[in-house]
PDB file of N, CA and C in Angstrom:
ATOM      1  N   UNK A   1      20.104  14.826  20.514  1.00  0.00           N
ATOM      2  CA  UNK A   1      19.651  15.195  21.843  1.00  0.00           C
ATOM      3  C   UNK A   1      20.788  14.947  22.826  1.00  0.00           C
ATOM      4  N   UNK A   2      21.036  15.942  23.684  1.00  0.00           N
ATOM      5  CA  UNK A   2      22.042  15.787  24.735  1.00  0.00           C
ATOM      6  C   UNK A   2      21.442  14.968  25.876  1.00  0.00           C
ATOM      7  N   UNK A   3      22.170  13.967  26.316  1.00  0.00           N
ATOM      8  CA  UNK A   3      21.774  13.137  27.461  1.00  0.00           C
ATOM      9  C   UNK A   3      22.956  13.141  28.406  1.00  0.00           C
ATOM     10  N   UNK A   4      22.789  13.793  29.574  1.00  0.00           N
ATOM     11  CA  UNK A   4      23.920  13.998  30.474  1.00  0.00           C
ATOM     12  C   UNK A   4      23.546  13.651  31.919  1.00  0.00           C
ATOM     13  N   UNK A   5      24.566  13.300  32.693  1.00  0.00           N
ATOM     14  CA  UNK A   5      24.333  13.002  34.105  1.00  0.00           C
ATOM     15  C   UNK A   5      24.364  14.226  35.013  1.00  0.00           C
ATOM     16  N   UNK A   6      25.065  15.325  34.650  1.00  0.00           N
ATOM     17  CA  UNK A   6      24.991  16.508  35.512  1.00  0.00           C
ATOM     18  C   UNK A   6      23.608  17.160  35.445  1.00  0.00           C
ATOM     19  N   UNK A   7      23.396  18.144  36.303  1.00  0.00           N
ATOM     20  CA  UNK A   7      22.110  18.836  36.348  1.00  0.00           C
ATOM     21  C   UNK A   7      21.971  19.884  35.252  1.00  0.00           C
ATOM     22  N   UNK A   8      23.030  20.139  34.524  1.00  0.00           N
ATOM     23  CA  UNK A   8      23.006  21.092  33.418  1.00  0.00           C
ATOM     24  C   UNK A   8      23.784  20.524  32.246  1.00  0.00           C
ATOM     25  N   UNK A   9      23.545  21.100  31.062  1.00  0.00           N
ATOM     26  CA  UNK A   9      24.322  20.741  29.884  1.00  0.00           C
ATOM     27  C   UNK A   9      25.485  21.725  29.808  1.00  0.00           C
ATOM     28  N   UNK A  10      26.708  21.261  29.852  1.00  0.00           N
ATOM     29  CA  UNK A  10      27.855  22.170  29.838  1.00  0.00           C
ATOM     30  C   UNK A  10      27.788  23.160  28.668  1.00  0.00           C
ATOM     31  N   UNK A  11      27.919  24.435  29.002  1.00  0.00           N
ATOM     32  CA  UNK A  11      27.925  25.474  27.993  1.00  0.00           C
ATOM     33  C   UNK A  11      26.557  25.891  27.491  1.00  0.00           C
ATOM     34  N   UNK A  12      25.506  25.328  28.046  1.00  0.00           N
ATOM     35  CA  UNK A  12      24.145  25.657  27.606  1.00  0.00           C
ATOM     36  C   UNK A  12      23.316  26.087  28.808  1.00  0.00           C
ATOM     37  N   UNK A  13      22.277  26.868  28.543  1.00  0.00           N
ATOM     38  CA  UNK A  13      21.381  27.319  29.605  1.00  0.00           C
ATOM     39  C   UNK A  13      20.028  26.638  29.441  1.00  0.00           C
ATOM     40  N   UNK A  14      19.485  26.169  30.562  1.00  0.00           N
ATOM     41  CA  UNK A  14      18.165  25.537  30.539  1.00  0.00           C
ATOM     42  C   UNK A  14      17.104  26.629  30.560  1.00  0.00           C
ATOM     43  N   UNK A  15      16.207  26.587  29.574  1.00  0.00           N
ATOM     44  CA  UNK A  15      15.120  27.569  29.487  1.00  0.00           C
ATOM     45  C   UNK A  15      13.871  27.074  30.195  1.00  0.00           C
ATOM     46  N   UNK A  16      13.648  25.745  30.140  1.00  0.00           N
ATOM     47  CA  UNK A  16      12.397  25.213  30.692  1.00  0.00           C
ATOM     48  C   UNK A  16      12.578  23.741  31.054  1.00  0.00           C
ATOM     49  N   UNK A  17      12.042  23.367  32.205  1.00  0.00           N
ATOM     50  CA  UNK A  17      12.008  21.975  32.626  1.00  0.00           C
ATOM     51  C   UNK A  17      10.649  21.409  32.217  1.00  0.00           C
ATOM     52  N   UNK A  18      10.658  20.265  31.539  1.00  0.00           N
ATOM     53  CA  UNK A  18       9.428  19.698  31.001  1.00  0.00           C
ATOM     54  C   UNK A  18       8.883  18.524  31.797  1.00  0.00           C
ATOM     55  N   UNK A  19       9.657  18.012  32.728  1.00  0.00           N
ATOM     56  CA  UNK A  19       9.214  16.873  33.528  1.00  0.00           C
ATOM     57  C   UNK A  19      10.159  15.699  33.402  1.00  0.00           C
ATOM     58  N   UNK A  20       9.768  14.610  33.981  1.00  0.00           N
ATOM     59  CA  UNK A  20      10.609  13.411  34.009  1.00  0.00           C
ATOM     60  C   UNK A  20      10.430  12.624  32.716  1.00  0.00           C
ATOM     61  N   UNK A  21      11.547  12.332  32.079  1.00  0.00           N
ATOM     62  CA  UNK A  21      11.563  11.420  30.933  1.00  0.00           C
ATOM     63  C   UNK A  21      12.029  10.074  31.470  1.00  0.00           C
ATOM     64  N   UNK A  22      11.367   9.028  31.038  1.00  0.00           N
ATOM     65  CA  UNK A  22      11.743   7.708  31.558  1.00  0.00           C
ATOM     66  C   UNK A  22      11.560   6.636  30.497  1.00  0.00           C
ATOM     67  N   UNK A  23      12.299   5.593  30.667  1.00  0.00           N
ATOM     68  CA  UNK A  23      12.185   4.425  29.808  1.00  0.00           C
ATOM     69  C   UNK A  23      12.616   3.215  30.596  1.00  0.00           C
ATOM     70  N   UNK A  24      11.927   2.128  30.396  1.00  0.00           N
ATOM     71  CA  UNK A  24      12.315   0.919  31.122  1.00  0.00           C
ATOM     72  C   UNK A  24      12.108  -0.311  30.254  1.00  0.00           C
ATOM     73  N   UNK A  25      12.706  -1.385  30.672  1.00  0.00           N
ATOM     74  CA  UNK A  25      12.533  -2.671  30.018  1.00  0.00           C
ATOM     75  C   UNK A  25      12.743  -3.757  31.065  1.00  0.00           C
ATOM     76  N   UNK A  26      12.140  -4.896  30.821  1.00  0.00           N
ATOM     77  CA  UNK A  26      12.329  -6.064  31.680  1.00  0.00           C
ATOM     78  C   UNK A  26      12.849  -7.186  30.791  1.00  0.00           C
ATOM     79  N   UNK A  27      13.969  -7.734  31.153  1.00  0.00           N
ATOM     80  CA  UNK A  27      14.573  -8.829  30.399  1.00  0.00           C
ATOM     81  C   UNK A  27      14.632 -10.070  31.291  1.00  0.00           C
ATOM     82  N   UNK A  28      14.459 -11.218  30.668  1.00  0.00           N
ATOM     83  CA  UNK A  28      14.513 -12.481  31.408  1.00  0.00           C
ATOM     84  C   UNK A  28      15.637 -13.349  30.874  1.00  0.00           C
ATOM     85  N   UNK A  29      16.209 -14.109  31.773  1.00  0.00           N
ATOM     86  CA  UNK A  29      17.215 -15.091  31.373  1.00  0.00           C
ATOM     87  C   UNK A  29      16.497 -16.221  30.646  1.00  0.00           C
ATOM     88  N   UNK A  30      17.265 -17.034  29.918  1.00  0.00           N
ATOM     89  CA  UNK A  30      16.663 -18.226  29.330  1.00  0.00           C
ATOM     90  C   UNK A  30      17.417 -19.459  29.802  1.00  0.00           C
ATOM     91  N   UNK A  31      16.781 -20.601  29.666  1.00  0.00           N
ATOM     92  CA  UNK A  31      17.332 -21.847  30.217  1.00  0.00           C
ATOM     93  C   UNK A  31      18.695 -22.174  29.611  1.00  0.00           C
ATOM     94  N   UNK A  32      18.832 -22.053  28.301  1.00  0.00           N
ATOM     95  CA  UNK A  32      20.116 -22.350  27.650  1.00  0.00           C
ATOM     96  C   UNK A  32      21.230 -21.478  28.180  1.00  0.00           C
ATOM     97  N   UNK A  33      20.927 -20.213  28.345  1.00  0.00           N
ATOM     98  CA  UNK A  33      21.917 -19.265  28.860  1.00  0.00           C
ATOM     99  C   UNK A  33      22.256 -19.609  30.308  1.00  0.00           C
ATOM    100  N   UNK A  34      21.255 -20.001  31.087  1.00  0.00           N
ATOM    101  CA  UNK A  34      21.500 -20.352  32.485  1.00  0.00           C
ATOM    102  C   UNK A  34      22.451 -21.534  32.612  1.00  0.00           C
ATOM    103  N   UNK A  35      22.297 -22.505  31.734  1.00  0.00           N
ATOM    104  CA  UNK A  35      23.162 -23.697  31.794  1.00  0.00           C
ATOM    105  C   UNK A  35      24.606 -23.312  31.499  1.00  0.00           C
ATOM    106  N   UNK A  36      24.818 -22.571  30.420  1.00  0.00           N
ATOM    107  CA  UNK A  36      26.201 -22.208  30.072  1.00  0.00           C
ATOM    108  C   UNK A  36      26.811 -21.283  31.111  1.00  0.00           C
ATOM    109  N   UNK A  37      26.017 -20.401  31.667  1.00  0.00           N
ATOM    110  CA  UNK A  37      26.553 -19.473  32.662  1.00  0.00           C
ATOM    111  C   UNK A  37      26.808 -20.169  34.000  1.00  0.00           C
ATOM    112  N   UNK A  38      26.053 -21.214  34.292  1.00  0.00           N
ATOM    113  CA  UNK A  38      26.308 -21.992  35.515  1.00  0.00           C
ATOM    114  C   UNK A  38      27.660 -22.689  35.423  1.00  0.00           C
ATOM    115  N   UNK A  39      27.973 -23.195  34.248  1.00  0.00           N
ATOM    116  CA  UNK A  39      29.285 -23.826  34.047  1.00  0.00           C
ATOM    117  C   UNK A  39      30.385 -22.782  34.192  1.00  0.00           C
ATOM    118  N   UNK A  40      30.194 -21.607  33.598  1.00  0.00           N
ATOM    119  CA  UNK A  40      31.183 -20.525  33.691  1.00  0.00           C
ATOM    120  C   UNK A  40      31.368 -20.112  35.148  1.00  0.00           C
ATOM    121  N   UNK A  41      30.280 -20.101  35.903  1.00  0.00           N
ATOM    122  CA  UNK A  41      30.329 -19.709  37.307  1.00  0.00           C
ATOM    123  C   UNK A  41      31.214 -20.674  38.101  1.00  0.00           C
ATOM    124  N   UNK A  42      31.236 -21.944  37.720  1.00  0.00           N
ATOM    125  CA  UNK A  42      32.072 -22.931  38.407  1.00  0.00           C
ATOM    126  C   UNK A  42      33.560 -22.705  38.133  1.00  0.00           C
ATOM    127  N   UNK A  43      33.870 -22.282  36.909  1.00  0.00           N
ATOM    128  CA  UNK A  43      35.276 -22.117  36.532  1.00  0.00           C
ATOM    129  C   UNK A  43      35.795 -20.707  36.780  1.00  0.00           C
ATOM    130  N   UNK A  44      34.889 -19.779  37.051  1.00  0.00           N
ATOM    131  CA  UNK A  44      35.285 -18.394  37.307  1.00  0.00           C
ATOM    132  C   UNK A  44      35.313 -17.572  36.039  1.00  0.00           C
ATOM    133  N   UNK A  45      35.313 -16.294  36.215  1.00  0.00           N
ATOM    134  CA  UNK A  45      35.359 -15.384  35.073  1.00  0.00           C
ATOM    135  C   UNK A  45      34.047 -14.639  34.883  1.00  0.00           C
ATOM    136  N   UNK A  46      34.054 -13.783  33.896  1.00  0.00           N
ATOM    137  CA  UNK A  46      32.874 -12.964  33.607  1.00  0.00           C
ATOM    138  C   UNK A  46      31.753 -13.814  33.028  1.00  0.00           C
ATOM    139  N   UNK A  47      30.545 -13.523  33.446  1.00  0.00           N
ATOM    140  CA  UNK A  47      29.369 -14.177  32.892  1.00  0.00           C
ATOM    141  C   UNK A  47      28.902 -13.326  31.706  1.00  0.00           C
ATOM    142  N   UNK A  48      29.568 -13.520  30.566  1.00  0.00           N
ATOM    143  CA  UNK A  48      29.402 -12.628  29.415  1.00  0.00           C
ATOM    144  C   UNK A  48      27.977 -12.595  28.894  1.00  0.00           C
ATOM    145  N   UNK A  49      27.292 -13.708  28.891  1.00  0.00           N
ATOM    146  CA  UNK A  49      25.916 -13.721  28.380  1.00  0.00           C
ATOM    147  C   UNK A  49      25.029 -12.816  29.226  1.00  0.00           C
ATOM    148  N   UNK A  50      25.241 -12.826  30.537  1.00  0.00           N
ATOM    149  CA  UNK A  50      24.450 -11.951  31.411  1.00  0.00           C
ATOM    150  C   UNK A  50      24.874 -10.491  31.251  1.00  0.00           C
ATOM    151  N   UNK A  51      26.158 -10.253  31.070  1.00  0.00           N
ATOM    152  CA  UNK A  51      26.630  -8.886  30.830  1.00  0.00           C
ATOM    153  C   UNK A  51      26.003  -8.323  29.560  1.00  0.00           C
ATOM    154  N   UNK A  52      25.973  -9.140  28.516  1.00  0.00           N
ATOM    155  CA  UNK A  52      25.365  -8.714  27.251  1.00  0.00           C
ATOM    156  C   UNK A  52      23.873  -8.456  27.414  1.00  0.00           C
ATOM    157  N   UNK A  53      23.191  -9.302  28.160  1.00  0.00           N
ATOM    158  CA  UNK A  53      21.758  -9.137  28.402  1.00  0.00           C
ATOM    159  C   UNK A  53      21.485  -7.810  29.114  1.00  0.00           C
ATOM    160  N   UNK A  54      22.277  -7.488  30.125  1.00  0.00           N
ATOM    161  CA  UNK A  54      22.071  -6.236  30.852  1.00  0.00           C
ATOM    162  C   UNK A  54      22.482  -5.019  30.020  1.00  0.00           C
ATOM    163  N   UNK A  55      23.492  -5.168  29.174  1.00  0.00           N
ATOM    164  CA  UNK A  55      23.868  -4.078  28.275  1.00  0.00           C
ATOM    165  C   UNK A  55      22.729  -3.774  27.314  1.00  0.00           C
ATOM    166  N   UNK A  56      22.123  -4.811  26.743  1.00  0.00           N
ATOM    167  CA  UNK A  56      20.969  -4.634  25.859  1.00  0.00           C
ATOM    168  C   UNK A  56      19.825  -3.952  26.604  1.00  0.00           C
ATOM    169  N   UNK A  57      19.589  -4.367  27.828  1.00  0.00           N
ATOM    170  CA  UNK A  57      18.498  -3.787  28.616  1.00  0.00           C
ATOM    171  C   UNK A  57      18.766  -2.309  28.903  1.00  0.00           C
ATOM    172  N   UNK A  58      19.997  -1.960  29.268  1.00  0.00           N
ATOM    173  CA  UNK A  58      20.333  -0.550  29.516  1.00  0.00           C
ATOM    174  C   UNK A  58      20.156   0.286  28.256  1.00  0.00           C
ATOM    175  N   UNK A  59      20.643  -0.221  27.123  1.00  0.00           N
ATOM    176  CA  UNK A  59      20.510   0.510  25.860  1.00  0.00           C
ATOM    177  C   UNK A  59      19.042   0.726  25.503  1.00  0.00           C
ATOM    178  N   UNK A  60      18.240  -0.295  25.671  1.00  0.00           N
ATOM    179  CA  UNK A  60      16.821  -0.189  25.361  1.00  0.00           C
ATOM    180  C   UNK A  60      16.122   0.809  26.281  1.00  0.00           C
ATOM    181  N   UNK A  61      16.440   0.780  27.563  1.00  0.00           N
ATOM    182  CA  UNK A  61      15.841   1.723  28.513  1.00  0.00           C
ATOM    183  C   UNK A  61      16.238   3.156  28.164  1.00  0.00           C
ATOM    184  N   UNK A  62      17.500   3.375  27.796  1.00  0.00           N
ATOM    185  CA  UNK A  62      17.956   4.718  27.403  1.00  0.00           C
ATOM    186  C   UNK A  62      17.250   5.193  26.133  1.00  0.00           C
ATOM    187  N   UNK A  63      17.107   4.304  25.150  1.00  0.00           N
ATOM    188  CA  UNK A  63      16.406   4.666  23.913  1.00  0.00           C
ATOM    189  C   UNK A  63      14.960   5.059  24.201  1.00  0.00           C
ATOM    190  N   UNK A  64      14.308   4.322  25.074  1.00  0.00           N
ATOM    191  CA  UNK A  64      12.911   4.633  25.419  1.00  0.00           C
ATOM    192  C   UNK A  64      12.808   5.945  26.184  1.00  0.00           C
ATOM    193  N   UNK A  65      13.798   6.235  27.028  1.00  0.00           N
ATOM    194  CA  UNK A  65      13.808   7.507  27.751  1.00  0.00           C
ATOM    195  C   UNK A  65      13.949   8.664  26.760  1.00  0.00           C
ATOM    196  N   UNK A  66      14.847   8.533  25.801  1.00  0.00           N
ATOM    197  CA  UNK A  66      15.035   9.571  24.797  1.00  0.00           C
ATOM    198  C   UNK A  66      13.748   9.762  23.991  1.00  0.00           C
ATOM    199  N   UNK A  67      13.093   8.683  23.606  1.00  0.00           N
ATOM    200  CA  UNK A  67      11.831   8.783  22.873  1.00  0.00           C
ATOM    201  C   UNK A  67      10.772   9.509  23.705  1.00  0.00           C
ATOM    202  N   UNK A  68      10.745   9.241  25.003  1.00  0.00           N
ATOM    203  CA  UNK A  68       9.798   9.922  25.892  1.00  0.00           C
ATOM    204  C   UNK A  68      10.085  11.414  25.928  1.00  0.00           C
ATOM    205  N   UNK A  69      11.361  11.779  26.018  1.00  0.00           N
ATOM    206  CA  UNK A  69      11.745  13.199  26.034  1.00  0.00           C
ATOM    207  C   UNK A  69      11.419  13.864  24.699  1.00  0.00           C
ATOM    208  N   UNK A  70      11.651  13.159  23.605  1.00  0.00           N
ATOM    209  CA  UNK A  70      11.332  13.717  22.289  1.00  0.00           C
ATOM    210  C   UNK A  70       9.832  13.980  22.154  1.00  0.00           C
ATOM    211  N   UNK A  71       9.015  13.137  22.772  1.00  0.00           N
ATOM    212  CA  UNK A  71       7.563  13.348  22.715  1.00  0.00           C
ATOM    213  C   UNK A  71       7.147  14.608  23.472  1.00  0.00           C
ATOM    214  N   UNK A  72       8.027  15.096  24.344  1.00  0.00           N
ATOM    215  CA  UNK A  72       7.786  16.343  25.079  1.00  0.00           C
ATOM    216  C   UNK A  72       8.447  17.534  24.387  1.00  0.00           C
ATOM    217  N   UNK A  73       9.033  17.305  23.215  1.00  0.00           N
ATOM    218  CA  UNK A  73       9.784  18.336  22.479  1.00  0.00           C
ATOM    219  C   UNK A  73      10.981  18.853  23.269  1.00  0.00           C
ATOM    220  N   UNK A  74      11.633  17.975  23.979  1.00  0.00           N
ATOM    221  CA  UNK A  74      12.819  18.342  24.761  1.00  0.00           C
ATOM    222  C   UNK A  74      14.043  18.430  23.854  1.00  0.00           C
ATOM    223  N   UNK A  75      14.984  19.265  24.270  1.00  0.00           N
ATOM    224  CA  UNK A  75      16.272  19.373  23.587  1.00  0.00           C
ATOM    225  C   UNK A  75      17.342  18.512  24.253  1.00  0.00           C
ATOM    226  N   UNK A  76      17.106  18.206  25.533  1.00  0.00           N
ATOM    227  CA  UNK A  76      18.115  17.476  26.299  1.00  0.00           C
ATOM    228  C   UNK A  76      17.453  16.779  27.481  1.00  0.00           C
ATOM    229  N   UNK A  77      18.204  15.847  28.060  1.00  0.00           N
ATOM    230  CA  UNK A  77      17.801  15.204  29.309  1.00  0.00           C
ATOM    231  C   UNK A  77      18.974  15.354  30.262  1.00  0.00           C
ATOM    232  N   UNK A  78      18.714  15.940  31.414  1.00  0.00           N
ATOM    233  CA  UNK A  78      19.762  16.156  32.406  1.00  0.00           C
ATOM    234  C   UNK A  78      19.504  15.288  33.633  1.00  0.00           C
ATOM    235  N   UNK A  79      20.551  15.151  34.426  1.00  0.00           N
ATOM    236  CA  UNK A  79      20.473  14.394  35.673  1.00  0.00           C
ATOM    237  C   UNK A  79      20.015  12.947  35.423  1.00  0.00           C
ATOM    238  N   UNK A  80      20.561  12.346  34.383  1.00  0.00           N
ATOM    239  CA  UNK A  80      20.158  10.998  33.974  1.00  0.00           C
ATOM    240  C   UNK A  80      20.682   9.959  34.967  1.00  0.00           C
ATOM    241  N   UNK A  81      19.822   9.023  35.284  1.00  0.00           N
ATOM    242  CA  UNK A  81      20.176   7.936  36.197  1.00  0.00           C
ATOM    243  C   UNK A  81      19.679   6.618  35.620  1.00  0.00           C
ATOM    244  N   UNK A  82      20.356   5.543  35.991  1.00  0.00           N
ATOM    245  CA  UNK A  82      19.959   4.188  35.623  1.00  0.00           C
ATOM    246  C   UNK A  82      19.843   3.358  36.893  1.00  0.00           C
ATOM    247  N   UNK A  83      18.821   2.539  36.948  1.00  0.00           N
ATOM    248  CA  UNK A  83      18.655   1.628  38.078  1.00  0.00           C
ATOM    249  C   UNK A  83      18.228   0.274  37.551  1.00  0.00           C
ATOM    250  N   UNK A  84      18.549  -0.756  38.299  1.00  0.00           N
ATOM    251  CA  UNK A  84      18.090  -2.093  37.933  1.00  0.00           C
ATOM    252  C   UNK A  84      17.593  -2.805  39.181  1.00  0.00           C
ATOM    253  N   UNK A  85      16.686  -3.718  38.941  1.00  0.00           N
ATOM    254  CA  UNK A  85      16.146  -4.503  40.054  1.00  0.00           C
ATOM    255  C   UNK A  85      15.636  -5.835  39.533  1.00  0.00           C
ATOM    256  N   UNK A  86      15.553  -6.781  40.417  1.00  0.00           N
ATOM    257  CA  UNK A  86      15.000  -8.083  40.062  1.00  0.00           C
ATOM    258  C   UNK A  86      13.490  -7.991  40.158  1.00  0.00           C
ATOM    259  N   UNK A  87      12.798  -8.396  39.101  1.00  0.00           N
ATOM    260  CA  UNK A  87      11.336  -8.340  39.053  1.00  0.00           C
ATOM    261  C   UNK A  87      10.743  -9.671  39.494  1.00  0.00           C
ATOM    262  N   UNK A  88      11.231 -10.729  38.905  1.00  0.00           N
ATOM    263  CA  UNK A  88      10.754 -12.070  39.220  1.00  0.00           C
ATOM    264  C   UNK A  88      11.963 -12.994  39.134  1.00  0.00           C
ATOM    265  N   UNK A  89      11.773 -14.213  39.504  1.00  0.00           N
ATOM    266  CA  UNK A  89      12.870 -15.165  39.434  1.00  0.00           C
ATOM    267  C   UNK A  89      13.384 -15.225  37.995  1.00  0.00           C
ATOM    268  N   UNK A  90      14.587 -14.710  37.777  1.00  0.00           N
ATOM    269  CA  UNK A  90      15.175 -14.749  36.450  1.00  0.00           C
ATOM    270  C   UNK A  90      14.915 -13.524  35.603  1.00  0.00           C
ATOM    271  N   UNK A  91      14.146 -12.547  36.100  1.00  0.00           N
ATOM    272  CA  UNK A  91      13.859 -11.339  35.327  1.00  0.00           C
ATOM    273  C   UNK A  91      14.451 -10.121  36.000  1.00  0.00           C
ATOM    274  N   UNK A  92      14.899  -9.179  35.183  1.00  0.00           N
ATOM    275  CA  UNK A  92      15.501  -7.959  35.715  1.00  0.00           C
ATOM    276  C   UNK A  92      14.935  -6.757  34.974  1.00  0.00           C
ATOM    277  N   UNK A  93      14.606  -5.716  35.726  1.00  0.00           N
ATOM    278  CA  UNK A  93      14.141  -4.474  35.127  1.00  0.00           C
ATOM    279  C   UNK A  93      15.280  -3.468  35.148  1.00  0.00           C
ATOM    280  N   UNK A  94      15.412  -2.739  34.060  1.00  0.00           N
ATOM    281  CA  UNK A  94      16.331  -1.607  34.011  1.00  0.00           C
ATOM    282  C   UNK A  94      15.489  -0.389  33.670  1.00  0.00           C
ATOM    283  N   UNK A  95      15.648   0.670  34.442  1.00  0.00           N
ATOM    284  CA  UNK A  95      14.942   1.912  34.181  1.00  0.00           C
ATOM    285  C   UNK A  95      15.954   3.037  34.049  1.00  0.00           C
ATOM    286  N   UNK A  96      15.728   3.892  33.048  1.00  0.00           N
ATOM    287  CA  UNK A  96      16.530   5.093  32.832  1.00  0.00           C
ATOM    288  C   UNK A  96      15.589   6.280  33.032  1.00  0.00           C
ATOM    289  N   UNK A  97      16.052   7.296  33.747  1.00  0.00           N
ATOM    290  CA  UNK A  97      15.204   8.458  33.951  1.00  0.00           C
ATOM    291  C   UNK A  97      16.047   9.705  34.129  1.00  0.00           C
ATOM    292  N   UNK A  98      15.445  10.837  33.816  1.00  0.00           N
ATOM    293  CA  UNK A  98      16.109  12.122  33.947  1.00  0.00           C
ATOM    294  C   UNK A  98      15.101  13.226  33.719  1.00  0.00           C
ATOM    295  N   UNK A  99      15.560  14.447  33.764  1.00  0.00           N
ATOM    296  CA  UNK A  99      14.683  15.595  33.569  1.00  0.00           C
ATOM    297  C   UNK A  99      14.787  16.075  32.130  1.00  0.00           C
ATOM    298  N   UNK A 100      13.652  16.074  31.435  1.00  0.00           N
ATOM    299  CA  UNK A 100      13.594  16.567  30.062  1.00  0.00           C
ATOM    300  C   UNK A 100      13.563  18.102  30.119  1.00  0.00           C
ATOM    301  N   UNK A 101      14.402  18.748  29.310  1.00  0.00           N
ATOM    302  CA  UNK A 101      14.502  20.215  29.329  1.00  0.00           C
ATOM    303  C   UNK A 101      14.560  20.777  27.915  1.00  0.00           C
ATOM    304  N   UNK A 102      14.199  22.040  27.824  1.00  0.00           N
ATOM    305  CA  UNK A 102      14.435  22.821  26.604  1.00  0.00           C
ATOM    306  C   UNK A 102      15.601  23.753  26.912  1.00  0.00           C
ATOM    307  N   UNK A 103      16.468  23.887  25.939  1.00  0.00           N
ATOM    308  CA  UNK A 103      17.648  24.741  26.104  1.00  0.00           C
ATOM    309  C   UNK A 103      17.445  26.072  25.375  1.00  0.00           C
ATOM    310  N   UNK A 104      18.127  27.106  25.856  1.00  0.00           N
ATOM    311  CA  UNK A 104      18.115  28.400  25.159  1.00  0.00           C
ATOM    312  C   UNK A 104      19.009  28.331  23.959  1.00  0.00           C
TER     313      UNK A 104
END
């Protein structure tokens, strides 16, 4: 399945728009990770554990979006976007969304 950020798939024609495909996940930090990352924050540098957590969340949201589009018999998802927000103290939501389409 093609998953692209432009409004069209390069070299292909959209035959039908099927609606919004979306996938989301909410991930929470854990106490052990918070302790190690607090120490890293004091010394400077990338907070790798948090980067990895958000990478996992983005991947999971994208996979769920693709599954949603597949349930609509889509060939592609165009105009894909990712957003994140804080849900609760220590929790973050990542949502992926785009337009599910059938191609000619």
